[in-house]
């Protein structure tokens, strides 16, 4: 029985990591070369559709989808605007000018940013964590081209790289702010409502946007939009919540490092975005640095349920 439980946990955690990786691939396919759809419209469709789907599934499965206080509802709306809307907009804007591999690797900065943010609440960073942050930072610099065999090149930063880092900052704020809300309302309910909480801001931005929305002009583009809404959003978050019930969060976090690996492996055959052996070595350093401390948040007996992979 225990072996079956662990195997199911591995399945759900692998599925969530893999699907989150495909977010970067599908998003890059839609955003490059001018973009088939604008980031605001894509994010609005993504979270309104996925949130409605999770709300319906939660209601059918008997979850208490409305059992929370008004204050927690207000918190979830605000956290959704920052974590879901902000993260998604910055990633998709960034992917107009940077690669899927760069995006996924830059987002691995989130555990480091969460760790640094923990300093503000009195948490301590161990020597091993400082070493891990340094290794991951160097590795990320290699992947995005700032660190080269010839030295450091700060002019290698692309606008998309900086925008993606903005997505990482949004997700960090969301995670640190939401850590006390999640235990009160539950991981599934919380994820559903922060998705729906992103919708008002995205709808307002869509109304204030000059000109009309950019929409896919052909069926393949719409299929990618539908894919992002259902699979790496609704299904991936559901898989994460299922995995949390079956295996420990430190092990689950390690499995999520498969997300950038998925992007690295599939970016060339699907998008034609190649990478050098030097960049591959940088990716290994990123994963090594992050993996030096799987939890990344010491002195906490039970990490919060909203620390999903950002995508």
Protein backbone atom coordinates (compact mmCIF):
# COMPACT_ATOMS: atom_id res chain seq x y z
CA UNK A 1 0.00 0.00 0.00
CA UNK A 2 2.78 2.45 0.92
CA UNK A 3 4.66 1.65 -2.30
CA UNK A 4 1.52 2.30 -4.35
CA UNK A 5 1.00 5.60 -2.56
CA UNK A 6 4.57 6.72 -3.33
CA UNK A 7 4.25 5.63 -6.97
CA UNK A 8 1.03 7.62 -7.33
CA UNK A 9 2.75 10.60 -5.75
CA UNK A 10 5.64 10.33 -8.19
CA UNK A 11 3.19 10.14 -11.09
CA UNK A 12 1.27 13.26 -10.07
CA UNK A 13 4.43 15.22 -9.24
CA UNK A 14 6.08 14.25 -12.53
CA UNK A 15 2.92 15.23 -14.40
CA UNK A 16 2.77 18.66 -12.77
CA UNK A 17 6.48 19.35 -13.41
CA UNK A 18 6.24 18.23 -17.03
CA UNK A 19 3.09 20.24 -17.74
CA UNK A 20 4.52 23.39 -16.14
CA UNK A 21 7.54 22.97 -18.40
CA UNK A 22 5.30 22.95 -21.45
CA UNK A 23 3.89 26.34 -20.40
CA UNK A 24 7.18 27.94 -21.41
CA UNK A 25 7.24 26.05 -24.70
CA UNK A 26 3.66 26.86 -25.67
CA UNK A 27 3.99 30.46 -24.46
CA UNK A 28 7.15 31.01 -26.48
CA UNK A 29 5.50 29.52 -29.58
CA UNK A 30 2.65 32.02 -29.23
CA UNK A 31 4.75 35.05 -28.29
CA UNK A 32 7.77 35.01 -30.62
CA UNK A 33 7.87 36.82 -33.96
CA UNK A 34 5.43 39.52 -32.85
CA UNK A 35 3.05 37.17 -31.06
CA UNK A 36 -0.17 35.49 -32.18
CA UNK A 37 -1.92 36.73 -29.03
CA UNK A 38 -1.07 39.50 -26.60
CA UNK A 39 -0.01 38.62 -23.02
CA UNK A 40 -3.04 40.28 -21.39
CA UNK A 41 -5.58 38.36 -23.46
CA UNK A 42 -3.72 35.08 -23.08
CA UNK A 43 -3.48 35.49 -19.29
CA UNK A 44 -7.16 36.48 -19.05
CA UNK A 45 -8.29 33.42 -21.00
CA UNK A 46 -5.88 31.22 -19.07
CA UNK A 47 -6.99 32.05 -15.54
CA UNK A 48 -10.68 32.67 -16.14
CA UNK A 49 -10.96 29.32 -17.93
CA UNK A 50 -8.77 27.33 -15.54
CA UNK A 51 -10.31 28.94 -12.46
CA UNK A 52 -13.85 28.21 -13.63
CA UNK A 53 -12.87 24.61 -14.43
CA UNK A 54 -11.30 24.08 -10.99
CA UNK A 55 -14.31 25.68 -9.29
CA UNK A 56 -16.67 23.32 -11.13
CA UNK A 57 -14.56 20.23 -10.41
CA UNK A 58 -14.22 21.24 -6.76
CA UNK A 59 -17.96 21.66 -6.39
CA UNK A 60 -18.71 18.33 -8.10
CA UNK A 61 -16.15 16.52 -5.93
CA UNK A 62 -17.68 17.88 -2.74
CA UNK A 63 -14.98 20.35 -1.73
CA UNK A 64 -16.06 23.34 0.35
CA UNK A 65 -15.23 25.98 -2.25
CA UNK A 66 -16.80 28.90 -0.33
CA UNK A 67 -15.83 28.06 3.26
CA UNK A 68 -13.61 31.05 4.01
CA UNK A 69 -13.91 34.48 5.56
CA UNK A 70 -14.41 37.72 3.64
CA UNK A 71 -10.95 38.84 4.70
CA UNK A 72 -9.38 35.66 3.29
CA UNK A 73 -11.35 36.18 0.07
CA UNK A 74 -9.96 39.70 -0.23
CA UNK A 75 -6.45 38.36 0.44
CA UNK A 76 -6.83 35.69 -2.25
CA UNK A 77 -7.99 38.25 -4.80
CA UNK A 78 -5.03 40.53 -4.09
CA UNK A 79 -2.59 37.61 -4.03
CA UNK A 80 -4.01 36.36 -7.32
CA UNK A 81 -3.46 39.75 -8.92
CA UNK A 82 0.21 39.66 -7.92
CA UNK A 83 1.03 35.97 -8.15
CA UNK A 84 -1.10 34.78 -11.04
CA UNK A 85 -1.73 37.90 -13.13
CA UNK A 86 1.64 39.56 -12.51
CA UNK A 87 3.65 36.37 -12.95
CA UNK A 88 1.84 35.36 -16.13
CA UNK A 89 1.99 38.80 -17.74
CA UNK A 90 5.71 39.24 -17.11
CA UNK A 91 6.53 35.73 -18.37
CA UNK A 92 4.56 36.12 -21.59
CA UNK A 93 5.84 39.64 -22.19
CA UNK A 94 9.35 38.35 -21.58
CA UNK A 95 8.90 35.48 -24.00
CA UNK A 96 8.44 37.94 -26.83
CA UNK A 97 12.18 38.57 -26.72
CA UNK A 98 13.78 35.69 -24.82
CA UNK A 99 13.84 31.92 -25.23
CA UNK A 100 11.83 29.27 -23.43
CA UNK A 101 15.03 27.91 -21.86
CA UNK A 102 16.01 31.34 -20.52
CA UNK A 103 12.53 31.88 -19.07
CA UNK A 104 12.42 28.57 -17.24
CA UNK A 105 15.95 28.97 -15.89
CA UNK A 106 15.41 32.53 -14.67
CA UNK A 107 12.29 31.37 -12.82
CA UNK A 108 14.44 28.93 -10.83
CA UNK A 109 15.52 32.07 -8.94
CA UNK A 110 12.22 31.91 -7.06
CA UNK A 111 13.42 29.56 -4.26
CA UNK A 112 16.43 31.82 -3.76
CA UNK A 113 14.24 34.94 -3.64
CA UNK A 114 11.89 33.22 -1.19
CA UNK A 115 14.86 32.35 0.97
CA UNK A 116 16.10 35.95 0.92
CA UNK A 117 12.58 37.19 1.64
CA UNK A 118 12.52 34.92 4.67
CA UNK A 119 15.29 37.05 6.17
CA UNK A 120 12.70 39.79 6.61
CA UNK A 121 10.69 37.49 8.89
CA UNK A 122 13.66 36.42 10.97
CA UNK A 123 14.61 33.19 9.20
CA UNK A 124 18.29 32.33 8.95
CA UNK A 125 20.30 31.25 5.92
CA UNK A 126 22.73 28.39 6.43
CA UNK A 127 26.22 28.36 4.86
CA UNK A 128 25.05 25.59 2.53
CA UNK A 129 22.19 27.76 1.30
CA UNK A 130 24.52 30.69 0.61
CA UNK A 131 26.68 28.32 -1.44
CA UNK A 132 23.61 27.00 -3.26
CA UNK A 133 22.46 30.52 -4.13
CA UNK A 134 25.90 31.40 -5.49
CA UNK A 135 26.09 28.24 -7.61
CA UNK A 136 22.56 28.70 -8.97
CA UNK A 137 23.21 32.38 -9.78
CA UNK A 138 26.37 31.56 -11.74
CA UNK A 139 24.55 28.77 -13.57
CA UNK A 140 21.66 31.03 -14.52
CA UNK A 141 24.14 33.64 -15.78
CA UNK A 142 25.74 31.01 -18.02
CA UNK A 143 22.40 29.90 -19.47
CA UNK A 144 21.25 33.41 -20.39
CA UNK A 145 24.68 34.37 -21.75
CA UNK A 146 25.85 36.86 -19.14
CA UNK A 147 28.64 34.57 -17.94
CA UNK A 148 30.76 33.36 -20.87
CA UNK A 149 34.11 31.58 -21.22
CA UNK A 150 35.58 35.00 -22.02
CA UNK A 151 34.17 36.68 -18.91
CA UNK A 152 31.05 38.52 -17.74
CA UNK A 153 28.93 40.37 -20.30
CA UNK A 154 26.21 42.52 -18.77
CA UNK A 155 25.15 43.67 -22.24
CA UNK A 156 23.90 40.12 -22.88
CA UNK A 157 20.76 40.79 -20.84
CA UNK A 158 17.71 40.94 -23.07
CA UNK A 159 14.56 42.85 -22.15
CA UNK A 160 12.76 39.53 -21.94
CA UNK A 161 15.22 38.26 -19.34
CA UNK A 162 14.52 41.24 -17.09
CA UNK A 163 10.76 40.90 -17.58
CA UNK A 164 10.95 37.23 -16.63
CA UNK A 165 12.85 38.16 -13.50
CA UNK A 166 9.93 40.48 -12.72
CA UNK A 167 7.69 37.39 -12.91
CA UNK A 168 9.93 35.67 -10.39
CA UNK A 169 9.62 38.65 -8.03
CA UNK A 170 5.81 38.59 -8.35
CA UNK A 171 5.70 34.89 -7.54
CA UNK A 172 7.99 35.38 -4.55
CA UNK A 173 5.75 38.10 -3.07
CA UNK A 174 2.71 35.91 -3.71
CA UNK A 175 4.28 32.92 -1.96
CA UNK A 176 5.50 34.83 1.08
CA UNK A 177 2.22 36.72 1.47
CA UNK A 178 -0.01 33.69 0.94
CA UNK A 179 1.75 31.27 3.27
CA UNK A 180 -0.66 32.01 6.14
CA UNK A 181 -3.79 32.02 4.01
CA UNK A 182 -3.31 28.56 2.51
CA UNK A 183 -3.64 26.48 5.73
CA UNK A 184 -6.94 28.18 6.55
CA UNK A 185 -8.66 27.59 3.20
CA UNK A 186 -6.82 24.54 1.78
CA UNK A 187 -4.50 24.22 -1.19
CA UNK A 188 -7.10 23.38 -3.87
CA UNK A 189 -9.56 26.08 -2.79
CA UNK A 190 -6.76 28.63 -2.49
CA UNK A 191 -5.38 27.88 -5.96
CA UNK A 192 -8.84 28.12 -7.50
CA UNK A 193 -9.63 31.50 -5.99
CA UNK A 194 -6.26 33.13 -6.63
CA UNK A 195 -6.71 32.18 -10.29
CA UNK A 196 -10.15 33.75 -10.32
CA UNK A 197 -8.79 36.67 -8.29
CA UNK A 198 -6.45 37.51 -11.17
CA UNK A 199 -9.35 37.94 -13.58
CA UNK A 200 -10.61 41.43 -12.52
CA UNK A 201 -7.17 43.02 -12.97
CA UNK A 202 -6.60 41.27 -16.30
CA UNK A 203 -10.07 42.28 -17.52
CA UNK A 204 -9.40 45.91 -16.53
CA UNK A 205 -6.06 45.89 -18.36
CA UNK A 206 -7.79 44.43 -21.41
CA UNK A 207 -10.36 47.25 -21.36
CA UNK A 208 -7.72 49.97 -20.92
CA UNK A 209 -5.41 48.54 -23.57
CA UNK A 210 -5.10 50.77 -26.64
CA UNK A 211 -6.39 49.08 -29.76
CA UNK A 212 -8.02 45.69 -30.06
CA UNK A 213 -6.83 42.41 -28.62
CA UNK A 214 -4.38 40.35 -30.62
CA UNK A 215 -5.88 36.90 -31.18
CA UNK A 216 -4.64 33.81 -33.03
CA UNK A 217 -5.62 33.84 -36.66
CA UNK A 218 -5.51 30.10 -37.16
CA UNK A 219 -6.59 26.91 -35.40
CA UNK A 220 -3.08 25.88 -34.19
CA UNK A 221 -2.78 29.12 -32.21
CA UNK A 222 -6.15 28.60 -30.53
CA UNK A 223 -5.22 25.01 -29.71
CA UNK A 224 -2.11 26.28 -27.90
CA UNK A 225 -4.23 28.80 -25.96
CA UNK A 226 -6.64 26.03 -24.97
CA UNK A 227 -3.74 23.78 -24.04
CA UNK A 228 -2.20 26.41 -21.71
CA UNK A 229 -5.57 27.00 -20.06
CA UNK A 230 -6.40 23.36 -19.38
CA UNK A 231 -3.22 21.33 -19.01
CA UNK A 232 -0.32 23.37 -17.55
CA UNK A 233 -2.77 25.47 -15.54
CA UNK A 234 -5.84 23.55 -14.29
CA UNK A 235 -4.52 19.98 -14.65
CA UNK A 236 -0.99 20.79 -13.42
CA UNK A 237 -2.24 22.55 -10.28
CA UNK A 238 -4.64 19.66 -9.61
CA UNK A 239 -1.75 17.20 -10.05
CA UNK A 240 0.36 19.23 -7.61
CA UNK A 241 -2.35 19.10 -4.96
CA UNK A 242 -2.78 15.34 -5.46
CA UNK A 243 0.98 14.80 -5.16
CA UNK A 244 1.07 16.79 -1.92
CA UNK A 245 -1.29 14.25 -0.34
CA UNK A 246 0.94 11.33 -1.26
CA UNK A 247 4.60 12.31 -0.88
CA UNK A 248 6.57 14.74 1.28
CA UNK A 249 7.05 18.30 0.09
CA UNK A 250 10.89 18.22 0.07
CA UNK A 251 10.78 15.27 -2.34
CA UNK A 252 8.01 16.96 -4.30
CA UNK A 253 10.13 20.11 -4.64
CA UNK A 254 13.00 18.04 -6.03
CA UNK A 255 10.65 16.60 -8.65
CA UNK A 256 9.71 20.13 -9.72
CA UNK A 257 13.29 20.69 -10.87
CA UNK A 258 12.24 18.57 -13.85
CA UNK A 259 10.39 21.63 -15.19
CA UNK A 260 13.46 23.44 -16.59
CA UNK A 261 14.88 20.07 -17.68
CA UNK A 262 11.69 19.50 -19.71
CA UNK A 263 12.13 22.88 -21.39
CA UNK A 264 15.80 22.26 -22.09
CA UNK A 265 15.14 18.86 -23.68
CA UNK A 266 12.11 19.89 -25.78
CA UNK A 267 13.02 23.45 -26.82
CA UNK A 268 15.16 22.33 -29.77
CA UNK A 269 12.81 19.77 -31.40
CA UNK A 270 9.66 21.84 -30.79
CA UNK A 271 10.90 25.42 -31.15
CA UNK A 272 14.25 25.08 -32.90
CA UNK A 273 15.97 26.86 -30.00
CA UNK A 274 19.36 25.24 -29.62
CA UNK A 275 21.81 25.53 -26.74
CA UNK A 276 25.54 25.04 -26.33
CA UNK A 277 27.32 22.56 -24.08
CA UNK A 278 28.42 25.54 -21.99
CA UNK A 279 24.78 26.52 -21.45
CA UNK A 280 23.95 22.91 -20.60
CA UNK A 281 26.66 23.01 -17.95
CA UNK A 282 25.06 26.21 -16.61
CA UNK A 283 21.69 24.46 -16.40
CA UNK A 284 23.30 21.67 -14.37
CA UNK A 285 24.75 24.29 -12.00
CA UNK A 286 21.30 25.87 -11.55
CA UNK A 287 19.73 22.55 -10.64
CA UNK A 288 22.68 21.67 -8.39
CA UNK A 289 22.52 25.00 -6.57
CA UNK A 290 18.78 24.82 -6.01
CA UNK A 291 19.00 21.17 -4.99
CA UNK A 292 21.54 21.77 -2.23
CA UNK A 293 18.59 22.47 0.05
CA UNK A 294 15.30 21.07 -1.32
CA UNK A 295 13.08 22.89 1.17
CA UNK A 296 14.85 26.27 0.85
CA UNK A 297 12.82 27.47 3.80
CA UNK A 298 14.41 26.24 7.02
CA UNK A 299 12.90 26.23 10.51
CA UNK A 300 9.40 25.51 9.21
CA UNK A 301 7.83 22.20 10.02
CA UNK A 302 5.33 22.25 7.19
CA UNK A 303 6.02 24.38 4.09
CA UNK A 304 2.99 26.18 2.71
CA UNK A 305 0.87 24.51 0.09
CA UNK A 306 1.02 27.41 -2.37
CA UNK A 307 4.68 26.96 -3.21
CA UNK A 308 3.90 25.47 -6.60
CA UNK A 309 6.25 25.89 -9.49
CA UNK A 310 5.64 29.28 -11.13
CA UNK A 311 4.44 29.00 -14.69
